[in-house]
Amino acid sequence: MIPANRIPYLSDIGLLIGRLAVGVVFVAHGWQKLNDMGHGNVTKFFESVDVPMASLSAYYATWVELAGGIALIVGVVTPIVGLLLAIDMAGAFLFVHKGNGMFVADNGYELVLALGGTAILLALAGAGRFSVDGLLFNRAAAPENQGAAA
């Protein structure tokens, strides 16, 4: 097997695919809260599961999922967005899914775990070269220059 560091940009392609996939899921859930459910219904649901400051939490969940998902897709402020989305998923786990077992079919934490884990991964790894963050802040040498003697 060829080591990933021997193929230029392989990890950046992986980060791009992960950002796109998870970003689309977060956008869909944020849009669902905003457009389909509405703030009042999200707040009522949050109250029913004892989420603290239900109205404020409903705004947070809606907008961090919608705007955060878009930010992941384009790869802007990815470490911050990843952290905010991980916090969102921690709340979903604690208040809604943890007592229901693993599987999403039983309202379990399967999806929350995958989304939250990926959000943490992106917060720590960053967006990669193929992103707005990569265009603005990438100080790494191009793969063909890495390992060259100074």
N, C-alpha and C. Protein backbone atom coordinates (compact mmCIF):
# COMPACT_ATOMS: atom_id res chain seq x y z
N MET A 1 0.84 -1.19 0.00
CA MET A 1 0.00 0.00 0.00
C MET A 1 0.88 1.25 0.00
N ILE A 2 0.47 2.25 -0.73
CA ILE A 2 1.21 3.50 -0.83
C ILE A 2 0.83 4.39 0.35
N PRO A 3 1.81 4.87 1.12
CA PRO A 3 1.49 5.80 2.23
C PRO A 3 0.81 7.06 1.71
N ALA A 4 -0.15 7.56 2.49
CA ALA A 4 -0.91 8.74 2.06
C ALA A 4 -0.02 9.94 1.79
N ASN A 5 1.09 10.06 2.54
CA ASN A 5 1.94 11.23 2.34
C ASN A 5 2.74 11.15 1.03
N ARG A 6 2.68 10.03 0.34
CA ARG A 6 3.36 9.88 -0.95
C ARG A 6 2.47 10.31 -2.11
N ILE A 7 1.20 10.48 -1.86
CA ILE A 7 0.28 10.92 -2.90
C ILE A 7 -0.12 12.36 -2.58
N PRO A 8 0.31 13.31 -3.41
CA PRO A 8 0.01 14.72 -3.11
C PRO A 8 -1.49 14.97 -2.92
N TYR A 9 -1.81 15.71 -1.91
CA TYR A 9 -3.16 16.21 -1.65
C TYR A 9 -4.18 15.15 -1.22
N LEU A 10 -3.77 13.91 -0.99
CA LEU A 10 -4.73 12.86 -0.65
C LEU A 10 -5.52 13.21 0.62
N SER A 11 -4.83 13.65 1.66
CA SER A 11 -5.56 14.00 2.89
C SER A 11 -6.46 15.21 2.68
N ASP A 12 -6.05 16.13 1.82
CA ASP A 12 -6.89 17.30 1.52
C ASP A 12 -8.16 16.89 0.77
N ILE A 13 -8.05 15.91 -0.10
CA ILE A 13 -9.23 15.40 -0.80
C ILE A 13 -10.17 14.72 0.20
N GLY A 14 -9.61 13.97 1.15
CA GLY A 14 -10.42 13.35 2.19
C GLY A 14 -11.14 14.38 3.04
N LEU A 15 -10.44 15.44 3.43
CA LEU A 15 -11.08 16.50 4.21
C LEU A 15 -12.18 17.18 3.41
N LEU A 16 -11.96 17.40 2.13
CA LEU A 16 -12.99 18.00 1.27
C LEU A 16 -14.23 17.13 1.22
N ILE A 17 -14.06 15.84 0.97
CA ILE A 17 -15.21 14.94 0.89
C ILE A 17 -15.95 14.88 2.22
N GLY A 18 -15.21 14.79 3.32
CA GLY A 18 -15.84 14.78 4.64
C GLY A 18 -16.60 16.06 4.93
N ARG A 19 -15.98 17.21 4.61
CA ARG A 19 -16.66 18.50 4.83
C ARG A 19 -17.93 18.60 4.03
N LEU A 20 -17.88 18.19 2.76
CA LEU A 20 -19.06 18.27 1.91
C LEU A 20 -20.18 17.38 2.44
N ALA A 21 -19.85 16.15 2.77
CA ALA A 21 -20.87 15.20 3.23
C ALA A 21 -21.52 15.67 4.53
N VAL A 22 -20.71 16.00 5.50
CA VAL A 22 -21.25 16.41 6.80
C VAL A 22 -21.90 17.78 6.71
N GLY A 23 -21.33 18.67 5.92
CA GLY A 23 -21.92 20.00 5.74
C GLY A 23 -23.32 19.92 5.17
N VAL A 24 -23.52 19.07 4.18
CA VAL A 24 -24.85 18.92 3.58
C VAL A 24 -25.84 18.40 4.62
N VAL A 25 -25.43 17.44 5.44
CA VAL A 25 -26.34 16.92 6.47
C VAL A 25 -26.69 18.01 7.48
N PHE A 26 -25.71 18.79 7.91
CA PHE A 26 -26.01 19.86 8.87
C PHE A 26 -26.91 20.92 8.24
N VAL A 27 -26.67 21.29 6.99
CA VAL A 27 -27.54 22.26 6.32
C VAL A 27 -28.97 21.74 6.28
N ALA A 28 -29.14 20.48 5.93
CA ALA A 28 -30.48 19.90 5.86
C ALA A 28 -31.19 19.97 7.21
N HIS A 29 -30.48 19.66 8.28
CA HIS A 29 -31.10 19.68 9.60
C HIS A 29 -31.37 21.11 10.07
N GLY A 30 -30.48 22.03 9.77
CA GLY A 30 -30.73 23.43 10.11
C GLY A 30 -31.90 24.00 9.32
N TRP A 31 -31.96 23.66 8.03
CA TRP A 31 -33.07 24.12 7.19
C TRP A 31 -34.39 23.54 7.69
N GLN A 32 -34.38 22.28 8.09
CA GLN A 32 -35.58 21.65 8.63
C GLN A 32 -36.08 22.39 9.86
N LYS A 33 -35.16 22.75 10.74
CA LYS A 33 -35.55 23.50 11.95
C LYS A 33 -36.09 24.89 11.58
N LEU A 34 -35.44 25.55 10.65
CA LEU A 34 -35.83 26.91 10.27
C LEU A 34 -37.12 26.93 9.47
N ASN A 35 -37.19 26.13 8.45
CA ASN A 35 -38.26 26.23 7.47
C ASN A 35 -39.44 25.30 7.76
N ASP A 36 -39.17 24.06 8.10
CA ASP A 36 -40.25 23.09 8.28
C ASP A 36 -40.88 23.16 9.67
N MET A 37 -40.03 23.22 10.69
CA MET A 37 -40.54 23.20 12.06
C MET A 37 -40.87 24.61 12.57
N GLY A 38 -39.98 25.54 12.32
CA GLY A 38 -40.13 26.89 12.84
C GLY A 38 -39.59 26.99 14.26
N HIS A 39 -39.19 28.19 14.62
CA HIS A 39 -38.56 28.41 15.92
C HIS A 39 -39.47 27.99 17.08
N GLY A 40 -40.74 28.31 16.98
CA GLY A 40 -41.66 27.98 18.06
C GLY A 40 -41.75 26.48 18.33
N ASN A 41 -41.82 25.69 17.27
CA ASN A 41 -41.91 24.24 17.44
C ASN A 41 -40.59 23.63 17.92
N VAL A 42 -39.47 24.17 17.45
CA VAL A 42 -38.18 23.69 17.94
C VAL A 42 -38.07 24.01 19.43
N THR A 43 -38.47 25.21 19.81
CA THR A 43 -38.44 25.59 21.22
C THR A 43 -39.33 24.67 22.05
N LYS A 44 -40.54 24.40 21.59
CA LYS A 44 -41.44 23.50 22.32
C LYS A 44 -40.84 22.12 22.48
N PHE A 45 -40.22 21.61 21.42
CA PHE A 45 -39.58 20.30 21.52
C PHE A 45 -38.44 20.35 22.54
N PHE A 46 -37.62 21.39 22.47
CA PHE A 46 -36.51 21.51 23.42
C PHE A 46 -37.01 21.60 24.85
N GLU A 47 -38.12 22.33 25.06
CA GLU A 47 -38.71 22.38 26.40
C GLU A 47 -39.16 21.00 26.86
N SER A 48 -39.72 20.22 25.94
CA SER A 48 -40.24 18.90 26.30
C SER A 48 -39.15 17.91 26.70
N VAL A 49 -37.92 18.15 26.25
CA VAL A 49 -36.80 17.28 26.63
C VAL A 49 -35.86 17.97 27.62
N ASP A 50 -36.35 19.06 28.22
CA ASP A 50 -35.63 19.77 29.29
C ASP A 50 -34.29 20.37 28.87
N VAL A 51 -34.21 20.88 27.64
CA VAL A 51 -33.02 21.60 27.21
C VAL A 51 -33.03 22.96 27.92
N PRO A 52 -31.94 23.32 28.59
CA PRO A 52 -31.90 24.63 29.25
C PRO A 52 -32.03 25.77 28.25
N MET A 53 -32.66 26.86 28.68
CA MET A 53 -32.87 28.04 27.84
C MET A 53 -33.35 27.61 26.45
N ALA A 54 -34.47 26.95 26.42
CA ALA A 54 -34.97 26.28 25.21
C ALA A 54 -35.04 27.21 24.00
N SER A 55 -35.52 28.43 24.18
CA SER A 55 -35.64 29.34 23.04
C SER A 55 -34.26 29.71 22.48
N LEU A 56 -33.35 30.07 23.35
CA LEU A 56 -31.99 30.41 22.93
C LEU A 56 -31.30 29.19 22.32
N SER A 57 -31.48 28.04 22.94
CA SER A 57 -30.90 26.80 22.42
C SER A 57 -31.46 26.45 21.06
N ALA A 58 -32.74 26.74 20.83
CA ALA A 58 -33.35 26.47 19.53
C ALA A 58 -32.73 27.36 18.45
N TYR A 59 -32.51 28.63 18.78
CA TYR A 59 -31.82 29.51 17.84
C TYR A 59 -30.42 28.99 17.56
N TYR A 60 -29.70 28.63 18.61
CA TYR A 60 -28.33 28.13 18.46
C TYR A 60 -28.31 26.91 17.54
N ALA A 61 -29.13 25.91 17.85
CA ALA A 61 -29.13 24.66 17.07
C ALA A 61 -29.49 24.94 15.61
N THR A 62 -30.50 25.74 15.40
CA THR A 62 -30.93 26.04 14.03
C THR A 62 -29.83 26.71 13.23
N TRP A 63 -29.28 27.78 13.79
CA TRP A 63 -28.34 28.58 13.01
C TRP A 63 -26.94 27.99 12.96
N VAL A 64 -26.51 27.29 14.01
CA VAL A 64 -25.19 26.67 13.92
C VAL A 64 -25.23 25.51 12.93
N GLU A 65 -26.35 24.82 12.83
CA GLU A 65 -26.47 23.74 11.85
C GLU A 65 -26.56 24.29 10.43
N LEU A 66 -27.39 25.30 10.23
CA LEU A 66 -27.56 25.86 8.89
C LEU A 66 -26.31 26.62 8.42
N ALA A 67 -25.93 27.63 9.16
CA ALA A 67 -24.76 28.42 8.77
C ALA A 67 -23.47 27.63 8.92
N GLY A 68 -23.38 26.81 9.97
CA GLY A 68 -22.19 25.99 10.16
C GLY A 68 -22.03 24.97 9.06
N GLY A 69 -23.13 24.39 8.61
CA GLY A 69 -23.07 23.45 7.50
C GLY A 69 -22.57 24.11 6.23
N ILE A 70 -23.06 25.31 5.96
CA ILE A 70 -22.59 26.06 4.79
C ILE A 70 -21.11 26.38 4.93
N ALA A 71 -20.70 26.79 6.14
CA ALA A 71 -19.28 27.09 6.38
C ALA A 71 -18.41 25.86 6.17
N LEU A 72 -18.89 24.68 6.58
CA LEU A 72 -18.12 23.46 6.33
C LEU A 72 -18.00 23.19 4.83
N ILE A 73 -19.09 23.37 4.11
CA ILE A 73 -19.07 23.09 2.68
C ILE A 73 -18.02 23.94 1.97
N VAL A 74 -17.94 25.21 2.30
CA VAL A 74 -16.95 26.08 1.65
C VAL A 74 -15.61 26.06 2.38
N GLY A 75 -15.60 25.55 3.60
CA GLY A 75 -14.35 25.44 4.34
C GLY A 75 -13.85 26.76 4.88
N VAL A 76 -14.72 27.47 5.56
CA VAL A 76 -14.34 28.76 6.15
C VAL A 76 -14.49 28.69 7.67
N VAL A 77 -13.53 29.23 8.39
CA VAL A 77 -13.42 29.19 9.86
C VAL A 77 -13.75 27.79 10.41
N THR A 78 -13.22 26.80 9.75
CA THR A 78 -13.55 25.41 10.03
C THR A 78 -13.26 24.98 11.47
N PRO A 79 -12.13 25.34 12.07
CA PRO A 79 -11.92 24.92 13.46
C PRO A 79 -12.99 25.44 14.41
N ILE A 80 -13.40 26.67 14.24
CA ILE A 80 -14.43 27.26 15.11
C ILE A 80 -15.78 26.60 14.84
N VAL A 81 -16.13 26.47 13.57
CA VAL A 81 -17.41 25.86 13.19
C VAL A 81 -17.46 24.41 13.66
N GLY A 82 -16.37 23.68 13.50
CA GLY A 82 -16.33 22.30 13.97
C GLY A 82 -16.60 22.20 15.46
N LEU A 83 -16.01 23.10 16.23
CA LEU A 83 -16.23 23.11 17.68
C LEU A 83 -17.69 23.44 18.01
N LEU A 84 -18.26 24.44 17.36
CA LEU A 84 -19.65 24.82 17.61
C LEU A 84 -20.61 23.69 17.25
N LEU A 85 -20.34 23.00 16.14
CA LEU A 85 -21.19 21.88 15.74
C LEU A 85 -21.02 20.68 16.69
N ALA A 86 -19.82 20.46 17.18
CA ALA A 86 -19.60 19.38 18.15
C ALA A 86 -20.37 19.66 19.44
N ILE A 87 -20.40 20.90 19.88
CA ILE A 87 -21.19 21.28 21.06
C ILE A 87 -22.67 21.04 20.80
N ASP A 88 -23.13 21.41 19.61
CA ASP A 88 -24.52 21.17 19.22
C ASP A 88 -24.85 19.68 19.30
N MET A 89 -23.96 18.84 18.78
CA MET A 89 -24.21 17.40 18.79
C MET A 89 -24.10 16.81 20.20
N ALA A 90 -23.26 17.40 21.04
CA ALA A 90 -23.20 16.95 22.44
C ALA A 90 -24.53 17.20 23.13
N GLY A 91 -25.14 18.36 22.85
CA GLY A 91 -26.46 18.65 23.40
C GLY A 91 -27.51 17.69 22.88
N ALA A 92 -27.47 17.40 21.58
CA ALA A 92 -28.43 16.44 21.00
C ALA A 92 -28.27 15.07 21.65
N PHE A 93 -27.03 14.66 21.87
CA PHE A 93 -26.77 13.38 22.52
C PHE A 93 -27.34 13.38 23.94
N LEU A 94 -26.97 14.39 24.72
CA LEU A 94 -27.33 14.41 26.15
C LEU A 94 -28.84 14.55 26.38
N PHE A 95 -29.49 15.39 25.59
CA PHE A 95 -30.90 15.69 25.87
C PHE A 95 -31.90 14.86 25.07
N VAL A 96 -31.48 14.26 23.97
CA VAL A 96 -32.45 13.59 23.11
C VAL A 96 -32.14 12.12 22.89
N HIS A 97 -30.89 11.78 22.60
CA HIS A 97 -30.60 10.47 22.04
C HIS A 97 -29.94 9.45 22.97
N LYS A 98 -29.28 9.86 24.03
CA LYS A 98 -28.43 8.94 24.79
C LYS A 98 -29.17 7.75 25.39
N GLY A 99 -30.40 7.91 25.78
CA GLY A 99 -31.14 6.82 26.40
C GLY A 99 -31.82 5.88 25.43
N ASN A 100 -31.60 6.09 24.14
CA ASN A 100 -32.32 5.32 23.13
C ASN A 100 -31.46 4.28 22.42
N GLY A 101 -30.27 4.04 22.92
CA GLY A 101 -29.40 3.07 22.27
C GLY A 101 -28.68 3.66 21.08
N MET A 102 -28.02 2.81 20.34
CA MET A 102 -27.16 3.24 19.24
C MET A 102 -27.91 3.65 17.99
N PHE A 103 -28.89 2.89 17.57
CA PHE A 103 -29.38 2.99 16.20
C PHE A 103 -30.40 4.11 15.98
N VAL A 104 -30.20 4.82 14.87
CA VAL A 104 -31.03 5.97 14.53
C VAL A 104 -32.49 5.56 14.33
N ALA A 105 -32.73 4.33 13.92
CA ALA A 105 -34.11 3.85 13.74
C ALA A 105 -34.89 3.86 15.05
N ASP A 106 -34.17 3.78 16.17
CA ASP A 106 -34.78 3.83 17.49
C ASP A 106 -34.58 5.19 18.16
N ASN A 107 -34.28 6.22 17.36
CA ASN A 107 -33.95 7.57 17.84
C ASN A 107 -32.67 7.55 18.67
N GLY A 108 -31.78 6.63 18.32
CA GLY A 108 -30.51 6.50 19.03
C GLY A 108 -29.49 7.53 18.57
N TYR A 109 -28.29 7.39 19.11
CA TYR A 109 -27.25 8.40 18.93
C TYR A 109 -26.28 8.12 17.79
N GLU A 110 -26.56 7.18 16.94
CA GLU A 110 -25.70 6.81 15.82
C GLU A 110 -25.32 8.03 14.95
N LEU A 111 -26.28 8.76 14.45
CA LEU A 111 -26.02 9.91 13.59
C LEU A 111 -25.34 11.04 14.36
N VAL A 112 -25.80 11.28 15.56
CA VAL A 112 -25.21 12.34 16.40
C VAL A 112 -23.74 12.04 16.67
N LEU A 113 -23.42 10.78 16.93
CA LEU A 113 -22.04 10.38 17.18
C LEU A 113 -21.17 10.59 15.94
N ALA A 114 -21.68 10.18 14.78
CA ALA A 114 -20.92 10.35 13.54
C ALA A 114 -20.72 11.83 13.20
N LEU A 115 -21.78 12.61 13.33
CA LEU A 115 -21.67 14.04 13.01
C LEU A 115 -20.78 14.77 14.02
N GLY A 116 -20.97 14.49 15.29
CA GLY A 116 -20.16 15.14 16.33
C GLY A 116 -18.69 14.76 16.23
N GLY A 117 -18.43 13.48 15.98
CA GLY A 117 -17.04 13.03 15.83
C GLY A 117 -16.37 13.67 14.63
N THR A 118 -17.09 13.77 13.53
CA THR A 118 -16.53 14.40 12.34
C THR A 118 -16.33 15.90 12.55
N ALA A 119 -17.24 16.52 13.28
CA ALA A 119 -17.09 17.95 13.58
C ALA A 119 -15.81 18.19 14.40
N ILE A 120 -15.55 17.30 15.37
CA ILE A 120 -14.32 17.42 16.17
C ILE A 120 -13.10 17.18 15.28
N LEU A 121 -13.16 16.18 14.42
CA LEU A 121 -12.05 15.91 13.51
C LEU A 121 -11.74 17.15 12.68
N LEU A 122 -12.77 17.79 12.13
CA LEU A 122 -12.55 18.98 11.31
C LEU A 122 -12.06 20.16 12.15
N ALA A 123 -12.53 20.27 13.38
CA ALA A 123 -12.04 21.33 14.26
C ALA A 123 -10.55 21.17 14.51
N LEU A 124 -10.09 19.94 14.65
CA LEU A 124 -8.68 19.69 14.94
C LEU A 124 -7.80 19.65 13.69
N ALA A 125 -8.31 19.07 12.61
CA ALA A 125 -7.50 18.91 11.39
C ALA A 125 -7.59 20.12 10.48
N GLY A 126 -8.67 20.88 10.58
CA GLY A 126 -8.87 22.00 9.67
C GLY A 126 -9.55 21.56 8.39
N ALA A 127 -9.73 22.48 7.49
CA ALA A 127 -10.51 22.25 6.28
C ALA A 127 -9.70 21.63 5.15
N GLY A 128 -8.39 21.73 5.22
CA GLY A 128 -7.56 21.23 4.12
C GLY A 128 -7.32 22.28 3.06
N ARG A 129 -6.51 21.89 2.12
CA ARG A 129 -6.06 22.79 1.06
C ARG A 129 -7.21 23.28 0.17
N PHE A 130 -8.22 22.45 -0.07
CA PHE A 130 -9.30 22.79 -1.00
C PHE A 130 -10.45 23.44 -0.24
N SER A 131 -10.21 24.64 0.26
CA SER A 131 -11.18 25.36 1.08
C SER A 131 -10.82 26.84 1.09
N VAL A 132 -11.75 27.64 1.56
CA VAL A 132 -11.45 29.06 1.75
C VAL A 132 -10.34 29.20 2.78
N ASP A 133 -10.43 28.45 3.87
CA ASP A 133 -9.36 28.49 4.89
C ASP A 133 -8.01 28.15 4.26
N GLY A 134 -7.99 27.12 3.42
CA GLY A 134 -6.74 26.72 2.77
C GLY A 134 -6.19 27.80 1.86
N LEU A 135 -7.07 28.49 1.15
CA LEU A 135 -6.63 29.57 0.26
C LEU A 135 -6.09 30.75 1.05
N LEU A 136 -6.73 31.06 2.16
CA LEU A 136 -6.34 32.24 2.93
C LEU A 136 -5.18 32.00 3.89
N PHE A 137 -5.12 30.81 4.47
CA PHE A 137 -4.20 30.60 5.58
C PHE A 137 -3.20 29.47 5.40
N ASN A 138 -3.19 28.80 4.26
CA ASN A 138 -2.31 27.66 4.09
C ASN A 138 -0.87 28.14 3.95
N ARG A 139 -0.06 27.80 4.94
CA ARG A 139 1.35 28.16 4.92
C ARG A 139 2.24 26.95 4.64
N ALA A 140 1.63 25.79 4.45
CA ALA A 140 2.41 24.58 4.21
C ALA A 140 3.03 24.63 2.82
N ALA A 141 4.18 24.02 2.69
CA ALA A 141 4.84 23.94 1.39
C ALA A 141 4.06 23.01 0.49
N ALA A 142 4.13 23.24 -0.79
CA ALA A 142 3.50 22.35 -1.76
C ALA A 142 4.14 20.97 -1.62
N PRO A 143 3.38 19.88 -1.88
CA PRO A 143 3.91 18.54 -1.68
C PRO A 143 5.22 18.29 -2.43
N GLU A 144 5.40 18.87 -3.59
CA GLU A 144 6.63 18.64 -4.34
C GLU A 144 7.85 19.29 -3.68
N ASN A 145 7.59 20.27 -2.76
CA ASN A 145 8.69 20.93 -2.06
C ASN A 145 8.92 20.39 -0.65
N GLN A 146 8.03 19.56 -0.17
CA GLN A 146 8.18 19.03 1.17
C GLN A 146 9.34 18.07 1.22
N GLY A 147 10.08 18.15 2.27
CA GLY A 147 11.21 17.26 2.45
C GLY A 147 12.47 17.71 1.71
N ALA A 148 12.42 18.81 1.01
CA ALA A 148 13.60 19.30 0.31
C ALA A 148 14.59 19.89 1.32
N ALA A 149 15.85 19.72 1.06
CA ALA A 149 16.86 20.26 1.96
C ALA A 149 16.85 21.78 1.90
N ALA A 150 17.09 22.39 3.05
CA ALA A 150 17.07 23.85 3.13
C ALA A 150 18.33 24.44 2.56
